[in-house]
């Protein structure tokens, strides 16, 4: 079975960069924005619109319960169910291709049959705000309060989306094999250590099997 690493992350924690560097370190394929691009090509929809819909799963502010499938959630708009189903199908196709790192998309649950290595990336609030400022587009000037509001909104959406289909809570340390706090740490400096940890974990799984 292919080796799959899933990266869940708090907004501003640098999880996307960590995932890309980890994939390069291990020689794995890397999927993040590529998933949205592929779905946009399939559906003819705008990538930015798809990103917003998929980030929230189309279910923000709807009361839902754990372990439900998309089709069982009557409150979710039909269009959102279709997009989530397409994304799930694409994730499984990518996982079947070969070893890879997948960022977000509730991939840790969607690809559970692959027994993925589940990684969660977090950071302290001030560190996340600083990282957001460093990566802001030219001319984008947001106050710390505005950045914090955006961070909380996006993380809430990620958690609600993830928890619809998982019995494990998004961000709960017991749901992951490794949690990494990137506060005041240069991400590229810690990737070799994370890769080494993953290799030890993988070897232990193979020996146990």
Protein backbone atom coordinates (compact mmCIF):
# COMPACT_ATOMS: atom_id res chain seq x y z
CA UNK A 1 0.00 0.00 0.00
CA UNK A 2 1.21 3.51 -0.79
CA UNK A 3 2.57 5.75 1.95
CA UNK A 4 0.26 8.69 2.65
CA UNK A 5 0.96 11.65 4.92
CA UNK A 6 -1.91 14.01 5.71
CA UNK A 7 -1.28 17.49 7.06
CA UNK A 8 -3.96 19.26 9.07
CA UNK A 9 -3.03 22.75 10.16
CA UNK A 10 -4.12 25.90 11.91
CA UNK A 11 -4.33 28.94 9.65
CA UNK A 12 -1.02 30.82 9.78
CA UNK A 13 0.95 27.95 11.28
CA UNK A 14 2.96 27.27 8.13
CA UNK A 15 1.44 23.84 7.58
CA UNK A 16 1.38 24.26 3.81
CA UNK A 17 5.10 25.08 3.67
CA UNK A 18 5.89 22.24 6.04
CA UNK A 19 3.91 19.80 3.92
CA UNK A 20 5.68 20.84 0.71
CA UNK A 21 9.15 20.67 2.26
CA UNK A 22 8.36 17.31 3.84
CA UNK A 23 7.21 15.91 0.49
CA UNK A 24 10.44 17.13 -1.13
CA UNK A 25 12.51 15.63 1.68
CA UNK A 26 10.86 12.22 1.31
CA UNK A 27 10.57 12.27 -2.47
CA UNK A 28 6.75 12.08 -2.27
CA UNK A 29 4.20 13.76 -4.51
CA UNK A 30 2.60 16.85 -2.98
CA UNK A 31 -1.07 17.85 -3.30
CA UNK A 32 -2.72 21.02 -2.07
CA UNK A 33 -3.84 23.69 -4.53
CA UNK A 34 -3.47 21.05 -7.25
CA UNK A 35 -6.67 19.46 -5.94
CA UNK A 36 -8.69 22.65 -6.39
CA UNK A 37 -7.21 23.19 -9.85
CA UNK A 38 -8.18 19.67 -10.91
CA UNK A 39 -11.72 20.11 -9.58
CA UNK A 40 -12.04 23.46 -11.34
CA UNK A 41 -11.11 21.76 -14.61
CA UNK A 42 -13.67 19.02 -14.01
CA UNK A 43 -16.52 21.32 -13.05
CA UNK A 44 -15.72 24.50 -14.98
CA UNK A 45 -16.05 26.49 -11.74
CA UNK A 46 -13.83 29.33 -10.56
CA UNK A 47 -10.97 28.13 -8.35
CA UNK A 48 -11.51 30.82 -5.70
CA UNK A 49 -15.18 29.90 -5.39
CA UNK A 50 -14.31 26.21 -5.11
CA UNK A 51 -11.68 26.92 -2.47
CA UNK A 52 -14.21 28.75 -0.30
CA UNK A 53 -16.81 26.00 -0.70
CA UNK A 54 -14.42 23.14 -0.03
CA UNK A 55 -12.72 24.89 2.88
CA UNK A 56 -16.02 24.96 4.73
CA UNK A 57 -17.54 21.88 3.18
CA UNK A 58 -20.61 23.99 2.50
CA UNK A 59 -21.78 23.24 6.01
CA UNK A 60 -20.71 26.18 8.13
CA UNK A 61 -23.44 27.12 10.62
CA UNK A 62 -25.34 23.85 10.01
CA UNK A 63 -25.76 21.55 13.04
CA UNK A 64 -24.18 18.18 12.23
CA UNK A 65 -22.99 15.06 14.01
CA UNK A 66 -19.89 12.91 13.83
CA UNK A 67 -19.47 9.94 11.49
CA UNK A 68 -22.12 11.07 9.01
CA UNK A 69 -21.59 10.70 5.29
CA UNK A 70 -22.20 13.65 3.02
CA UNK A 71 -25.38 12.07 1.64
CA UNK A 72 -26.83 11.72 5.13
CA UNK A 73 -26.59 15.43 5.91
CA UNK A 74 -29.82 16.86 4.62
CA UNK A 75 -28.88 20.41 5.65
CA UNK A 76 -25.93 20.53 3.25
CA UNK A 77 -26.82 22.06 -0.13
CA UNK A 78 -26.86 19.56 -3.02
CA UNK A 79 -24.11 21.48 -4.81
CA UNK A 80 -21.81 21.21 -1.80
CA UNK A 81 -22.47 17.48 -1.49
CA UNK A 82 -21.53 17.03 -5.13
CA UNK A 83 -18.30 18.99 -4.71
CA UNK A 84 -17.33 17.05 -1.60
CA UNK A 85 -18.03 13.78 -3.36
CA UNK A 86 -15.88 14.83 -6.33
CA UNK A 87 -13.08 15.86 -4.00
CA UNK A 88 -13.26 12.56 -2.13
CA UNK A 89 -13.04 10.63 -5.40
CA UNK A 90 -10.05 12.72 -6.51
CA UNK A 91 -8.23 12.26 -3.18
CA UNK A 92 -8.57 8.50 -3.46
CA UNK A 93 -7.32 8.55 -7.04
CA UNK A 94 -4.26 10.57 -6.01
CA UNK A 95 -3.54 8.29 -3.05
CA UNK A 96 -3.75 5.27 -5.34
CA UNK A 97 -1.12 6.77 -7.68
CA UNK A 98 1.76 6.63 -5.22
CA UNK A 99 3.37 7.94 -2.05
CA UNK A 100 2.21 11.48 -1.31
CA UNK A 101 1.67 14.32 1.16
CA UNK A 102 -1.81 15.86 1.13
CA UNK A 103 -2.57 19.14 2.90
CA UNK A 104 -6.03 19.69 4.37
CA UNK A 105 -9.25 18.41 2.71
CA UNK A 106 -9.99 16.18 5.75
CA UNK A 107 -7.71 13.71 3.97
CA UNK A 108 -6.80 12.00 7.25
CA UNK A 109 -10.38 10.71 7.40
CA UNK A 110 -11.19 10.41 3.70
CA UNK A 111 -8.12 8.21 3.18
CA UNK A 112 -8.42 6.25 6.40
CA UNK A 113 -8.20 2.91 4.54
CA UNK A 114 -4.61 3.87 3.61
CA UNK A 115 -3.68 4.16 7.32
CA UNK A 116 -2.05 7.57 6.72
CA UNK A 117 0.50 9.22 8.94
CA UNK A 118 -1.56 12.05 10.43
CA UNK A 119 0.30 15.29 11.13
CA UNK A 120 -1.12 18.41 12.80
CA UNK A 121 0.66 21.78 12.61
CA UNK A 122 -0.10 24.55 15.09
CA UNK A 123 1.47 27.71 16.52
CA UNK A 124 0.90 30.39 19.11
CA UNK A 125 -1.45 33.20 18.11
CA UNK A 126 1.17 35.93 17.83
CA UNK A 127 3.44 33.73 15.72
CA UNK A 128 0.58 32.99 13.35
CA UNK A 129 -0.24 36.67 13.00
CA UNK A 130 3.41 37.43 12.19
CA UNK A 131 3.49 34.68 9.57
CA UNK A 132 0.29 36.01 8.00
CA UNK A 133 1.84 39.48 7.77
CA UNK A 134 5.02 38.10 6.18
CA UNK A 135 2.98 36.31 3.51
CA UNK A 136 0.44 39.05 2.87
CA UNK A 137 -0.04 40.26 -0.69
CA UNK A 138 1.49 43.58 -1.65
CA UNK A 139 -0.79 46.38 -0.55
CA UNK A 140 -2.75 44.18 1.84
CA UNK A 141 -2.91 45.94 5.18
CA UNK A 142 -4.95 44.26 7.88
CA UNK A 143 -4.96 45.00 11.59
CA UNK A 144 -4.04 42.28 14.05
CA UNK A 145 -7.71 42.09 15.01
CA UNK A 146 -8.74 41.56 11.38
CA UNK A 147 -6.12 38.85 10.90
CA UNK A 148 -7.20 37.13 14.11
CA UNK A 149 -10.83 37.23 13.01
CA UNK A 150 -9.89 35.65 9.70
CA UNK A 151 -7.79 32.98 11.42
CA UNK A 152 -10.64 32.00 13.72
CA UNK A 153 -13.16 31.91 10.87
CA UNK A 154 -11.03 29.67 8.69
CA UNK A 155 -10.06 27.31 11.51
CA UNK A 156 -13.69 27.03 12.58
CA UNK A 157 -14.64 26.13 9.00
CA UNK A 158 -11.86 23.53 8.80
CA UNK A 159 -12.96 21.95 12.07
CA UNK A 160 -16.64 21.83 11.11
CA UNK A 161 -15.86 20.29 7.74
CA UNK A 162 -13.50 17.68 9.21
CA UNK A 163 -15.75 16.72 12.10
CA UNK A 164 -18.72 15.95 9.86
CA UNK A 165 -17.09 12.77 8.60
CA UNK A 166 -14.71 11.89 11.42
CA UNK A 167 -15.15 10.45 14.88
CA UNK A 168 -11.90 12.25 15.81
CA UNK A 169 -11.98 15.96 16.56
CA UNK A 170 -9.95 18.33 14.37
CA UNK A 171 -7.00 19.58 16.42
CA UNK A 172 -7.33 16.98 19.19
CA UNK A 173 -3.81 15.69 19.78
CA UNK A 174 -5.03 12.13 20.21
CA UNK A 175 -6.23 12.16 16.59
CA UNK A 176 -2.70 12.56 15.16
CA UNK A 177 0.55 10.68 15.10
CA UNK A 178 2.57 13.89 15.46
CA UNK A 179 1.69 17.46 16.44
CA UNK A 180 4.22 20.17 15.57
CA UNK A 181 4.25 23.64 17.08
CA UNK A 182 6.04 25.98 14.66
CA UNK A 183 6.12 29.03 16.96
CA UNK A 184 9.34 30.99 16.33
CA UNK A 185 10.90 28.05 14.48
CA UNK A 186 12.20 28.09 10.91
CA UNK A 187 10.16 25.41 9.21
CA UNK A 188 12.84 24.18 6.84
CA UNK A 189 15.10 23.51 9.83
CA UNK A 190 12.71 21.03 11.44
CA UNK A 191 11.64 19.11 8.32
CA UNK A 192 14.57 16.60 8.40
CA UNK A 193 13.62 15.70 11.97
CA UNK A 194 9.97 15.23 11.05
CA UNK A 195 10.98 13.09 8.08
CA UNK A 196 13.18 10.95 10.36
CA UNK A 197 10.30 10.53 12.80
CA UNK A 198 8.00 9.50 9.95
CA UNK A 199 10.48 6.89 8.71
CA UNK A 200 10.70 5.38 12.21
CA UNK A 201 6.91 5.33 12.44
CA UNK A 202 6.62 3.69 9.04
CA UNK A 203 9.18 1.04 9.95
CA UNK A 204 7.31 0.28 13.18
CA UNK A 205 4.06 -0.13 11.24
CA UNK A 206 5.70 -2.52 8.80
CA UNK A 207 7.23 -4.56 11.60
CA UNK A 208 3.90 -4.71 13.43
CA UNK A 209 2.16 -5.85 10.25
